[in-house]
Protein backbone atom coordinates (compact mmCIF):
# COMPACT_ATOMS: atom_id res chain seq x y z
CA MET A 1 -124.95 -56.45 139.33
CA SER A 2 -128.10 -58.07 137.74
CA SER A 3 -131.57 -57.14 139.03
CA PRO A 4 -134.00 -59.52 140.63
CA ALA A 5 -136.65 -61.36 138.80
CA PRO A 6 -140.45 -60.98 139.77
CA GLY A 7 -139.98 -64.22 141.67
CA GLY A 8 -136.94 -62.87 143.52
CA SER A 9 -133.91 -64.71 141.86
CA PRO A 10 -131.41 -62.72 139.88
CA LEU A 11 -131.62 -62.66 136.16
CA SER A 12 -129.09 -64.79 134.26
CA ILE A 13 -128.18 -65.14 130.85
CA VAL A 14 -126.27 -68.51 131.20
CA PRO A 15 -129.34 -70.58 130.65
CA PHE A 16 -130.43 -68.44 128.06
CA LEU A 17 -126.79 -69.21 126.09
CA ALA A 18 -126.99 -72.67 127.04
CA LYS A 19 -130.27 -73.03 125.45
CA ILE A 20 -129.36 -70.84 121.95
CA ASN A 21 -126.33 -73.08 121.78
CA GLN A 22 -128.52 -76.13 122.19
CA PHE A 23 -131.35 -75.55 119.75
CA ILE A 24 -130.03 -72.84 117.49
CA LEU A 25 -126.26 -73.02 116.97
CA ASN A 26 -125.56 -76.64 117.09
CA PRO A 27 -128.37 -77.59 114.70
CA ILE A 28 -126.91 -74.83 112.34
CA ILE A 29 -123.42 -76.29 112.47
CA MET A 30 -124.71 -80.00 111.90
CA LEU A 31 -126.74 -78.43 108.74
CA MET A 32 -123.81 -76.77 107.45
CA PHE A 33 -121.41 -79.83 108.32
CA ALA A 34 -124.04 -82.07 106.26
CA VAL A 35 -123.87 -79.77 103.38
CA ALA A 36 -120.10 -79.70 103.43
CA LEU A 37 -120.11 -83.62 103.47
CA VAL A 38 -122.69 -83.74 100.50
CA VAL A 39 -120.47 -81.30 98.45
CA PHE A 40 -117.45 -83.64 99.12
CA LEU A 41 -119.35 -86.70 98.39
CA TRP A 42 -120.39 -85.13 95.15
CA GLY A 43 -116.92 -84.10 94.15
CA VAL A 44 -115.85 -87.82 94.75
CA LEU A 45 -118.70 -89.15 92.65
CA GLY A 46 -117.94 -86.66 89.91
CA TYR A 47 -114.31 -87.60 89.97
CA ILE A 48 -114.74 -91.08 89.66
CA ARG A 49 -117.85 -91.09 87.34
CA ASN A 50 -115.85 -88.65 85.00
CA ALA A 51 -112.49 -90.36 85.12
CA ASP A 52 -111.58 -90.04 81.45
CA ASN A 53 -112.66 -86.14 81.36
CA PRO A 54 -109.95 -84.04 82.84
CA LYS A 55 -112.26 -80.93 82.98
CA LEU A 56 -115.03 -82.67 84.81
CA ARG A 57 -112.38 -84.49 86.98
CA SER A 58 -110.84 -81.09 88.15
CA GLU A 59 -114.38 -79.91 89.02
CA GLY A 60 -114.88 -83.13 91.11
CA GLN A 61 -111.52 -82.15 92.72
CA GLN A 62 -112.54 -78.57 93.29
CA SER A 63 -115.80 -80.08 94.94
CA MET A 64 -113.90 -82.50 97.32
CA LEU A 65 -111.51 -79.52 98.31
CA TRP A 66 -114.28 -77.25 99.16
CA GLY A 67 -116.02 -79.82 101.01
CA ILE A 68 -113.17 -80.50 103.03
CA VAL A 69 -112.54 -76.94 103.68
CA GLY A 70 -116.07 -76.47 104.72
CA MET A 71 -116.07 -79.47 107.16
CA PHE A 72 -112.88 -78.01 108.57
CA ILE A 73 -114.63 -74.72 108.99
CA MET A 74 -117.57 -76.01 110.83
CA PHE A 75 -115.25 -78.12 113.37
CA GLY A 76 -113.30 -74.64 113.93
CA VAL A 77 -116.75 -72.90 114.54
CA TYR A 78 -117.78 -75.53 117.00
CA GLY A 79 -114.36 -75.48 119.01
CA ILE A 80 -114.49 -71.53 119.01
CA ILE A 81 -118.26 -71.70 120.30
CA LYS A 82 -116.89 -74.26 123.14
CA ILE A 83 -114.35 -72.48 124.21
CA VAL A 84 -116.20 -69.11 124.49
CA LEU A 85 -118.91 -70.65 126.23
CA ASN A 86 -116.64 -72.50 128.73
CA THR A 87 -114.86 -69.37 129.33
CA ILE A 88 -118.52 -67.76 130.36
CA GLY A 89 -119.20 -70.62 132.45
CA ILE A 90 -121.38 -72.79 130.33
CA ASN A 91 -120.42 -76.56 130.53
CA VAL A 92 -120.64 -77.98 126.88
CA SER A 93 -118.86 -81.42 127.33
CA GLY A 94 -120.71 -84.02 125.87
CA THR A 95 -122.68 -81.90 123.28
CA PHE A 96 -120.62 -82.39 120.24
CA PRO A 97 -123.05 -82.03 117.44
CA PHE A 98 -121.82 -84.48 115.06
């Protein structure tokens, strides 16, 4: 049981976790998704620009692959965080960071 705060209301971690999600986790997820997108686009540019060089085309393909993997991971992280927050009673519907 939580002890009452000085104002008389019980302490609750739910608003604290909601603020952490809103101001820390979601911006970090957005930043990492943006980095993965830039890596993907850099790979596309390298693939197109170096169409005659198989080694550089292969590097472009690797960048595209890792960019897609990074974006997939960020979507997964967001989903896991949403499941955990919904489980403990924090409604995060409509707060998709992308």
